[in-house]
Amino acid sequence: MQWMRFRHGGEEGFGVRDGDSVQVHRGDLFGSHAPTGQTLPLAGLAWLPPCRPGQIIGLWNNFRAAAEKNGWATPAEPLYFLKSPHSASAHGQAIAVPASYDGRVAFEGELVVVVGRQARAVSVADAPAHIFGYSCGNDLTALELLHRDTSFPQWTRAKSFDGFAAFGPVIETDFDPAAATLRTLVGGRERQHYALADMFFPPAELVSRLSHDMTLMPGDVIFCGTSLGVLPMKPGTTVEVVVDGIGSLVNTYG
């Protein structure tokens, strides 16, 4: 099933995408819910991020091809950072150039894991039961902030400007990352094309390992990291992240 959130007539709602329409539901996306019987055309809706994350966790150096190309060591454990929950942005939403930063900003097409149940110190075997589904993501980075202060790498700031965690358009609950590929198109030109099976730490292992560090809650999202092809982009650039079986996330930067 493909779950989505939307705004219609000034009200927020959620439901199951069915082609060019959505079957509206009431209740809690991660708890008890039921269809209302109302169906709305997608054309009349504003997309919202498909869930409201309490935590946004991003992975660094989680793909073998990128590690080999860049001379990075194989990580012994997941290397991750946190992004502000307020950096979340939706499919179709414009991402503004930060008012306090005028340097280079890079796109990063990524798979996003959406947590569906509270996870605390779960095993790898039990982790899939805590995954609600998957989405497409674009983890934007203010490149020149990362190491501008040599005494303090600014991962949080560089990753947390408004809109810098785009994900959507939906959460797909029936998806096998090991059999899928991700493509990123920038201004219509393919810049990334990689197999999701190339991860050092696939989704179930990520959920397990992270849950031993912190409690994961329903709606939390994990950006699984990216592979080769990341580049800076100019204001006015449209980026499309495509994962067959999930859909296409499209945003314009600036």
C-alpha atoms as a PDB file:
ATOM      1  CA  MET A   1       0.000   0.000   0.000  1.00  0.00           C
ATOM      2  CA  GLN A   2       1.111   3.561  -0.697  1.00  0.00           C
ATOM      3  CA  TRP A   3       0.274   5.894   2.164  1.00  0.00           C
ATOM      4  CA  MET A   4       0.364   9.656   1.735  1.00  0.00           C
ATOM      5  CA  ARG A   5      -0.479  12.856   3.593  1.00  0.00           C
ATOM      6  CA  PHE A   6      -2.081  15.889   1.990  1.00  0.00           C
ATOM      7  CA  ARG A   7      -3.730  19.240   2.557  1.00  0.00           C
ATOM      8  CA  HIS A   8      -7.199  19.805   1.116  1.00  0.00           C
ATOM      9  CA  GLY A   9      -9.476  22.736   1.778  1.00  0.00           C
ATOM     10  CA  GLY A  10      -7.197  23.981   4.525  1.00  0.00           C
ATOM     11  CA  GLU A  11      -7.299  20.622   6.360  1.00  0.00           C
ATOM     12  CA  GLU A  12      -4.611  17.952   6.638  1.00  0.00           C
ATOM     13  CA  GLY A  13      -5.442  14.349   5.895  1.00  0.00           C
ATOM     14  CA  PHE A  14      -3.959  10.996   5.007  1.00  0.00           C
ATOM     15  CA  GLY A  15      -4.920   7.966   3.020  1.00  0.00           C
ATOM     16  CA  VAL A  16      -3.969   5.318   0.483  1.00  0.00           C
ATOM     17  CA  ARG A  17      -2.925   6.423  -2.974  1.00  0.00           C
ATOM     18  CA  ASP A  18      -4.886   4.654  -5.691  1.00  0.00           C
ATOM     19  CA  GLY A  19      -3.667   5.758  -9.106  1.00  0.00           C
ATOM     20  CA  ASP A  20      -4.652   9.405  -9.561  1.00  0.00           C
ATOM     21  CA  SER A  21      -6.699   9.580  -6.371  1.00  0.00           C
ATOM     22  CA  VAL A  22      -6.442   8.955  -2.635  1.00  0.00           C
ATOM     23  CA  GLN A  23      -8.764   6.922  -0.447  1.00  0.00           C
ATOM     24  CA  VAL A  24      -9.077   9.074   2.666  1.00  0.00           C
ATOM     25  CA  HIS A  25      -8.645   7.491   6.100  1.00  0.00           C
ATOM     26  CA  ARG A  26      -9.281   8.674   9.649  1.00  0.00           C
ATOM     27  CA  GLY A  27      -7.360   7.795  12.783  1.00  0.00           C
ATOM     28  CA  ASP A  28      -3.634   7.238  13.292  1.00  0.00           C
ATOM     29  CA  LEU A  29      -1.399   6.216  10.398  1.00  0.00           C
ATOM     30  CA  PHE A  30       0.737   4.130  12.758  1.00  0.00           C
ATOM     31  CA  GLY A  31      -2.127   2.935  14.948  1.00  0.00           C
ATOM     32  CA  SER A  32      -5.844   2.408  14.509  1.00  0.00           C
ATOM     33  CA  HIS A  33      -7.298   3.817  11.302  1.00  0.00           C
ATOM     34  CA  ALA A  34     -10.145   3.179   8.889  1.00  0.00           C
ATOM     35  CA  PRO A  35     -11.315   4.461   5.497  1.00  0.00           C
ATOM     36  CA  THR A  36     -13.844   7.282   5.541  1.00  0.00           C
ATOM     37  CA  GLY A  37     -15.354   6.291   2.211  1.00  0.00           C
ATOM     38  CA  GLN A  38     -14.212   9.578   0.644  1.00  0.00           C
ATOM     39  CA  THR A  39     -12.006   9.565  -2.454  1.00  0.00           C
ATOM     40  CA  LEU A  40     -10.203  12.695  -3.614  1.00  0.00           C
ATOM     41  CA  PRO A  41      -8.361  13.361  -6.889  1.00  0.00           C
ATOM     42  CA  LEU A  42      -4.634  14.005  -6.439  1.00  0.00           C
ATOM     43  CA  ALA A  43      -4.877  16.985  -8.767  1.00  0.00           C
ATOM     44  CA  GLY A  44      -6.710  19.008  -6.135  1.00  0.00           C
ATOM     45  CA  LEU A  45      -4.362  18.267  -3.250  1.00  0.00           C
ATOM     46  CA  ALA A  46      -1.162  19.747  -1.842  1.00  0.00           C
ATOM     47  CA  TRP A  47       1.340  17.023  -0.945  1.00  0.00           C
ATOM     48  CA  LEU A  48       2.720  16.871   2.605  1.00  0.00           C
ATOM     49  CA  PRO A  49       5.625  14.786   3.902  1.00  0.00           C
ATOM     50  CA  PRO A  50       4.058  11.321   4.204  1.00  0.00           C
ATOM     51  CA  CYS A  51       4.630  11.297   7.972  1.00  0.00           C
ATOM     52  CA  ARG A  52       5.673  13.715  10.718  1.00  0.00           C
ATOM     53  CA  PRO A  53       9.070  12.481  11.896  1.00  0.00           C
ATOM     54  CA  GLY A  54      10.131  13.027  15.478  1.00  0.00           C
ATOM     55  CA  GLN A  55      13.675  12.141  14.435  1.00  0.00           C
ATOM     56  CA  ILE A  56      15.409  12.318  11.065  1.00  0.00           C
ATOM     57  CA  ILE A  57      18.551  10.183  11.016  1.00  0.00           C
ATOM     58  CA  GLY A  58      20.992  10.283   8.096  1.00  0.00           C
ATOM     59  CA  LEU A  59      23.735   7.819   7.178  1.00  0.00           C
ATOM     60  CA  TRP A  60      27.188   8.636   5.919  1.00  0.00           C
ATOM     61  CA  ASN A  61      29.423   6.174   4.027  1.00  0.00           C
ATOM     62  CA  ASN A  62      26.858   3.406   3.715  1.00  0.00           C
ATOM     63  CA  PHE A  63      27.538   2.327   0.114  1.00  0.00           C
ATOM     64  CA  ARG A  64      30.423   0.182  -1.034  1.00  0.00           C
ATOM     65  CA  ALA A  65      30.871   1.795  -4.464  1.00  0.00           C
ATOM     66  CA  ALA A  66      31.204   5.302  -2.983  1.00  0.00           C
ATOM     67  CA  ALA A  67      33.590   4.091  -0.272  1.00  0.00           C
ATOM     68  CA  GLU A  68      35.817   2.367  -2.821  1.00  0.00           C
ATOM     69  CA  LYS A  69      35.833   5.382  -5.165  1.00  0.00           C
ATOM     70  CA  ASN A  70      36.616   7.869  -2.391  1.00  0.00           C
ATOM     71  CA  GLY A  71      39.092   5.731  -0.495  1.00  0.00           C
ATOM     72  CA  TRP A  72      36.924   5.514   2.628  1.00  0.00           C
ATOM     73  CA  ALA A  73      37.371   2.634   5.028  1.00  0.00           C
ATOM     74  CA  THR A  74      34.643   0.068   5.495  1.00  0.00           C
ATOM     75  CA  PRO A  75      32.668   1.304   8.519  1.00  0.00           C
ATOM     76  CA  ALA A  76      32.587  -0.968  11.538  1.00  0.00           C
ATOM     77  CA  GLU A  77      29.254   0.479  12.605  1.00  0.00           C
ATOM     78  CA  PRO A  78      26.685   2.874  11.091  1.00  0.00           C
ATOM     79  CA  LEU A  79      28.025   6.425  10.829  1.00  0.00           C
ATOM     80  CA  TYR A  80      25.125   8.786  11.265  1.00  0.00           C
ATOM     81  CA  PHE A  81      23.978  12.328  12.012  1.00  0.00           C
ATOM     82  CA  LEU A  82      20.676  13.931  12.971  1.00  0.00           C
ATOM     83  CA  LYS A  83      18.683  16.435  10.937  1.00  0.00           C
ATOM     84  CA  SER A  84      16.119  18.776  12.435  1.00  0.00           C
ATOM     85  CA  PRO A  85      12.564  17.404  12.089  1.00  0.00           C
ATOM     86  CA  HIS A  86      11.648  20.867  10.774  1.00  0.00           C
ATOM     87  CA  SER A  87      13.895  20.284   7.744  1.00  0.00           C
ATOM     88  CA  ALA A  88      11.297  17.859   6.328  1.00  0.00           C
ATOM     89  CA  SER A  89       9.769  18.857   3.007  1.00  0.00           C
ATOM     90  CA  ALA A  90       7.239  17.239   0.694  1.00  0.00           C
ATOM     91  CA  HIS A  91       7.061  16.095  -2.894  1.00  0.00           C
ATOM     92  CA  GLY A  92       6.494  19.121  -5.118  1.00  0.00           C
ATOM     93  CA  GLN A  93       7.531  21.604  -2.442  1.00  0.00           C
ATOM     94  CA  ALA A  94      10.103  24.242  -3.371  1.00  0.00           C
ATOM     95  CA  ILE A  95      13.212  24.201  -1.172  1.00  0.00           C
ATOM     96  CA  ALA A  96      14.404  27.714  -0.440  1.00  0.00           C
ATOM     97  CA  VAL A  97      18.026  28.848  -0.563  1.00  0.00           C
ATOM     98  CA  PRO A  98      19.025  29.381   3.105  1.00  0.00           C
ATOM     99  CA  ALA A  99      18.994  33.041   4.117  1.00  0.00           C
ATOM    100  CA  SER A 100      22.143  32.597   6.231  1.00  0.00           C
ATOM    101  CA  TYR A 101      24.200  30.587   3.723  1.00  0.00           C
ATOM    102  CA  ASP A 102      25.086  31.348   0.117  1.00  0.00           C
ATOM    103  CA  GLY A 103      27.575  28.550  -0.586  1.00  0.00           C
ATOM    104  CA  ARG A 104      27.301  25.297  -2.504  1.00  0.00           C
ATOM    105  CA  VAL A 105      24.419  22.919  -1.762  1.00  0.00           C
ATOM    106  CA  ALA A 106      24.489  19.284  -2.895  1.00  0.00           C
ATOM    107  CA  PHE A 107      21.671  16.848  -3.645  1.00  0.00           C
ATOM    108  CA  GLU A 108      21.778  13.260  -2.384  1.00  0.00           C
ATOM    109  CA  GLY A 109      19.208  10.774  -3.659  1.00  0.00           C
ATOM    110  CA  GLU A 110      18.476   8.195  -0.963  1.00  0.00           C
ATOM    111  CA  LEU A 111      16.149   5.466   0.209  1.00  0.00           C
ATOM    112  CA  VAL A 112      14.207   6.420   3.348  1.00  0.00           C
ATOM    113  CA  VAL A 113      13.084   3.933   5.993  1.00  0.00           C
ATOM    114  CA  VAL A 114       9.949   4.835   7.968  1.00  0.00           C
ATOM    115  CA  VAL A 115       9.682   3.350  11.456  1.00  0.00           C
ATOM    116  CA  GLY A 116       6.229   2.017  12.318  1.00  0.00           C
ATOM    117  CA  ARG A 117       6.612   0.656  15.862  1.00  0.00           C
ATOM    118  CA  GLN A 118       8.650   1.697  18.880  1.00  0.00           C
ATOM    119  CA  ALA A 119      12.052   0.031  18.594  1.00  0.00           C
ATOM    120  CA  ARG A 120      14.440  -0.267  21.519  1.00  0.00           C
ATOM    121  CA  ALA A 121      17.396  -2.657  21.278  1.00  0.00           C
ATOM    122  CA  VAL A 122      15.687  -4.900  18.714  1.00  0.00           C
ATOM    123  CA  SER A 123      17.481  -7.707  16.915  1.00  0.00           C
ATOM    124  CA  VAL A 124      18.144  -7.740  13.183  1.00  0.00           C
ATOM    125  CA  ALA A 125      15.651 -10.599  12.890  1.00  0.00           C
ATOM    126  CA  ASP A 126      12.941  -8.572  14.634  1.00  0.00           C
ATOM    127  CA  ALA A 127      13.732  -5.252  12.945  1.00  0.00           C
ATOM    128  CA  PRO A 128      11.561  -5.740   9.811  1.00  0.00           C
ATOM    129  CA  ALA A 129       8.459  -5.869  12.040  1.00  0.00           C
ATOM    130  CA  HIS A 130       9.326  -2.321  13.161  1.00  0.00           C
ATOM    131  CA  ILE A 131       9.589  -0.952   9.599  1.00  0.00           C
ATOM    132  CA  PHE A 132       6.333   0.562   8.361  1.00  0.00           C
ATOM    133  CA  GLY A 133       7.594   1.167   4.839  1.00  0.00           C
ATOM    134  CA  TYR A 134       9.912   3.049   2.513  1.00  0.00           C
ATOM    135  CA  SER A 135      10.048   6.362   0.699  1.00  0.00           C
ATOM    136  CA  CYS A 136      12.282   8.344  -1.664  1.00  0.00           C
ATOM    137  CA  GLY A 137      14.524  11.008  -0.156  1.00  0.00           C
ATOM    138  CA  ASN A 138      16.772  13.913  -1.048  1.00  0.00           C
ATOM    139  CA  ASP A 139      19.230  14.707   1.751  1.00  0.00           C
ATOM    140  CA  LEU A 140      20.508  18.212   0.941  1.00  0.00           C
ATOM    141  CA  THR A 141      23.852  19.367   2.313  1.00  0.00           C
ATOM    142  CA  ALA A 142      25.390  22.831   2.695  1.00  0.00           C
ATOM    143  CA  LEU A 143      28.844  21.611   1.683  1.00  0.00           C
ATOM    144  CA  GLU A 144      30.949  24.573   2.778  1.00  0.00           C
ATOM    145  CA  LEU A 145      29.595  24.522   6.321  1.00  0.00           C
ATOM    146  CA  LEU A 146      30.720  21.006   7.158  1.00  0.00           C
ATOM    147  CA  HIS A 147      34.347  21.876   7.857  1.00  0.00           C
ATOM    148  CA  ARG A 148      34.322  25.673   7.853  1.00  0.00           C
ATOM    149  CA  ASP A 149      35.291  25.646  11.529  1.00  0.00           C
ATOM    150  CA  THR A 150      38.231  23.256  11.829  1.00  0.00           C
ATOM    151  CA  SER A 151      37.477  22.626  15.516  1.00  0.00           C
ATOM    152  CA  PHE A 152      33.857  21.529  15.042  1.00  0.00           C
ATOM    153  CA  PRO A 153      32.367  19.742  12.003  1.00  0.00           C
ATOM    154  CA  GLN A 154      28.901  21.274  11.535  1.00  0.00           C
ATOM    155  CA  TRP A 155      26.906  18.266  10.396  1.00  0.00           C
ATOM    156  CA  THR A 156      23.670  19.319  12.082  1.00  0.00           C
ATOM    157  CA  ARG A 157      23.629  22.839  10.661  1.00  0.00           C
ATOM    158  CA  ALA A 158      24.774  21.784   7.189  1.00  0.00           C
ATOM    159  CA  LYS A 159      21.970  19.233   7.000  1.00  0.00           C
ATOM    160  CA  SER A 160      19.101  20.981   8.810  1.00  0.00           C
ATOM    161  CA  PHE A 161      18.077  24.100   6.890  1.00  0.00           C
ATOM    162  CA  ASP A 162      14.358  24.303   6.146  1.00  0.00           C
ATOM    163  CA  GLY A 163      13.476  21.838   3.406  1.00  0.00           C
ATOM    164  CA  PHE A 164      16.801  19.980   3.472  1.00  0.00           C
ATOM    165  CA  ALA A 165      15.130  16.608   4.212  1.00  0.00           C
ATOM    166  CA  ALA A 166      12.766  16.075   1.298  1.00  0.00           C
ATOM    167  CA  PHE A 167      10.968  12.742   1.265  1.00  0.00           C
ATOM    168  CA  GLY A 168       7.926  11.208  -0.366  1.00  0.00           C
ATOM    169  CA  PRO A 169       5.742  11.196  -2.313  1.00  0.00           C
ATOM    170  CA  VAL A 170       4.381   8.156  -0.440  1.00  0.00           C
ATOM    171  CA  ILE A 171       5.341   5.450   2.023  1.00  0.00           C
ATOM    172  CA  GLU A 172       5.295   2.091   0.236  1.00  0.00           C
ATOM    173  CA  THR A 173       4.646  -0.773   2.660  1.00  0.00           C
ATOM    174  CA  ASP A 174       5.375  -3.616   0.208  1.00  0.00           C
ATOM    175  CA  PHE A 175       8.920  -3.052  -1.018  1.00  0.00           C
ATOM    176  CA  ASP A 176      12.143  -5.069  -1.215  1.00  0.00           C
ATOM    177  CA  PRO A 177      15.211  -2.778  -1.115  1.00  0.00           C
ATOM    178  CA  ALA A 178      17.540  -5.625  -2.029  1.00  0.00           C
ATOM    179  CA  ALA A 179      15.934  -5.894  -5.478  1.00  0.00           C
ATOM    180  CA  ALA A 180      15.618  -2.171  -6.297  1.00  0.00           C
ATOM    181  CA  THR A 181      17.691   0.625  -7.775  1.00  0.00           C
ATOM    182  CA  LEU A 182      17.631   4.376  -7.209  1.00  0.00           C
ATOM    183  CA  ARG A 183      18.088   7.071  -9.823  1.00  0.00           C
ATOM    184  CA  THR A 184      18.548  10.806  -9.337  1.00  0.00           C
ATOM    185  CA  LEU A 185      17.781  13.157 -12.224  1.00  0.00           C
ATOM    186  CA  VAL A 186      19.029  16.734 -11.995  1.00  0.00           C
ATOM    187  CA  GLY A 187      17.491  19.092 -14.511  1.00  0.00           C
ATOM    188  CA  GLY A 188      16.310  15.982 -16.367  1.00  0.00           C
ATOM    189  CA  ARG A 189      19.812  14.491 -16.586  1.00  0.00           C
ATOM    190  CA  GLU A 190      20.602  11.270 -14.746  1.00  0.00           C
ATOM    191  CA  ARG A 191      23.315  11.858 -12.146  1.00  0.00           C
ATOM    192  CA  GLN A 192      22.906   8.848  -9.884  1.00  0.00           C
ATOM    193  CA  HIS A 193      21.968   5.252 -10.651  1.00  0.00           C
ATOM    194  CA  TYR A 194      22.816   2.659  -8.040  1.00  0.00           C
ATOM    195  CA  ALA A 195      21.600  -0.585  -6.521  1.00  0.00           C
ATOM    196  CA  LEU A 196      20.187  -0.322  -3.022  1.00  0.00           C
ATOM    197  CA  ALA A 197      21.670  -3.746  -2.291  1.00  0.00           C
ATOM    198  CA  ASP A 198      25.113  -2.094  -2.235  1.00  0.00           C
ATOM    199  CA  MET A 199      24.582  -0.833   1.343  1.00  0.00           C
ATOM    200  CA  PHE A 200      27.049  -1.802   4.066  1.00  0.00           C
ATOM    201  CA  PHE A 201      24.130  -1.724   6.520  1.00  0.00           C
ATOM    202  CA  PRO A 202      20.760  -2.572   4.924  1.00  0.00           C
ATOM    203  CA  PRO A 203      17.525  -1.304   6.457  1.00  0.00           C
ATOM    204  CA  ALA A 204      16.881  -4.088   8.975  1.00  0.00           C
ATOM    205  CA  GLU A 205      20.414  -3.865  10.306  1.00  0.00           C
ATOM    206  CA  LEU A 206      20.188  -0.069  10.466  1.00  0.00           C
ATOM    207  CA  VAL A 207      17.000  -0.205  12.511  1.00  0.00           C
ATOM    208  CA  SER A 208      18.516  -2.788  14.838  1.00  0.00           C
ATOM    209  CA  ARG A 209      21.805  -0.985  15.367  1.00  0.00           C
ATOM    210  CA  LEU A 210      20.255   2.456  15.764  1.00  0.00           C
ATOM    211  CA  SER A 211      17.693   1.102  18.214  1.00  0.00           C
ATOM    212  CA  HIS A 212      20.556   0.041  20.477  1.00  0.00           C
ATOM    213  CA  ASP A 213      21.712   3.692  20.556  1.00  0.00           C
ATOM    214  CA  MET A 214      18.329   5.434  20.832  1.00  0.00           C
ATOM    215  CA  THR A 215      14.658   4.582  20.987  1.00  0.00           C
ATOM    216  CA  LEU A 216      13.036   4.794  17.559  1.00  0.00           C
ATOM    217  CA  MET A 217       9.403   5.871  17.501  1.00  0.00           C
ATOM    218  CA  PRO A 218       6.611   5.532  14.916  1.00  0.00           C
ATOM    219  CA  GLY A 219       7.135   8.110  12.207  1.00  0.00           C
ATOM    220  CA  ASP A 220      10.883   8.442  12.698  1.00  0.00           C
ATOM    221  CA  VAL A 221      12.747   8.254   9.382  1.00  0.00           C
ATOM    222  CA  ILE A 222      16.186   7.006   8.415  1.00  0.00           C
ATOM    223  CA  PHE A 223      17.885   8.334   5.282  1.00  0.00           C
ATOM    224  CA  CYS A 224      19.997   5.335   4.277  1.00  0.00           C
ATOM    225  CA  GLY A 225      22.899   7.251   2.721  1.00  0.00           C
ATOM    226  CA  THR A 226      23.826   7.778  -0.892  1.00  0.00           C
ATOM    227  CA  SER A 227      26.264   6.501  -3.502  1.00  0.00           C
ATOM    228  CA  LEU A 228      28.243   7.989  -6.374  1.00  0.00           C
ATOM    229  CA  GLY A 229      27.149  11.034  -8.357  1.00  0.00           C
ATOM    230  CA  VAL A 230      26.531  13.662  -5.678  1.00  0.00           C
ATOM    231  CA  LEU A 231      27.141  17.196  -6.994  1.00  0.00           C
ATOM    232  CA  PRO A 232      26.359  20.791  -6.037  1.00  0.00           C
ATOM    233  CA  MET A 233      23.348  22.354  -7.725  1.00  0.00           C
ATOM    234  CA  LYS A 234      22.377  25.864  -8.699  1.00  0.00           C
ATOM    235  CA  PRO A 235      19.260  27.682  -7.470  1.00  0.00           C
ATOM    236  CA  GLY A 236      16.394  26.893  -9.822  1.00  0.00           C
ATOM    237  CA  THR A 237      17.471  23.260 -10.263  1.00  0.00           C
ATOM    238  CA  THR A 238      14.803  20.543 -10.226  1.00  0.00           C
ATOM    239  CA  VAL A 239      15.855  17.231  -8.675  1.00  0.00           C
ATOM    240  CA  GLU A 240      13.901  13.990  -9.120  1.00  0.00           C
ATOM    241  CA  VAL A 241      14.650  10.911  -7.014  1.00  0.00           C
ATOM    242  CA  VAL A 242      13.154   7.775  -8.536  1.00  0.00           C
ATOM    243  CA  VAL A 243      12.816   4.365  -6.920  1.00  0.00           C
ATOM    244  CA  ASP A 244      10.848   1.837  -8.943  1.00  0.00           C
ATOM    245  CA  GLY A 245       8.139   0.389  -6.734  1.00  0.00           C
ATOM    246  CA  ILE A 246       7.848   3.582  -4.677  1.00  0.00           C
ATOM    247  CA  GLY A 247       7.612   6.510  -7.078  1.00  0.00           C
ATOM    248  CA  SER A 248       9.278   9.830  -7.880  1.00  0.00           C
ATOM    249  CA  LEU A 249      10.109  12.613  -5.460  1.00  0.00           C
ATOM    250  CA  VAL A 250      10.422  15.939  -7.287  1.00  0.00           C
ATOM    251  CA  ASN A 251      11.607  19.214  -5.741  1.00  0.00           C
ATOM    252  CA  THR A 252      13.062  22.456  -7.057  1.00  0.00           C
ATOM    253  CA  TYR A 253      15.886  24.052  -5.083  1.00  0.00           C
ATOM    254  CA  GLY A 254      15.698  27.832  -4.870  1.00  0.00           C
END
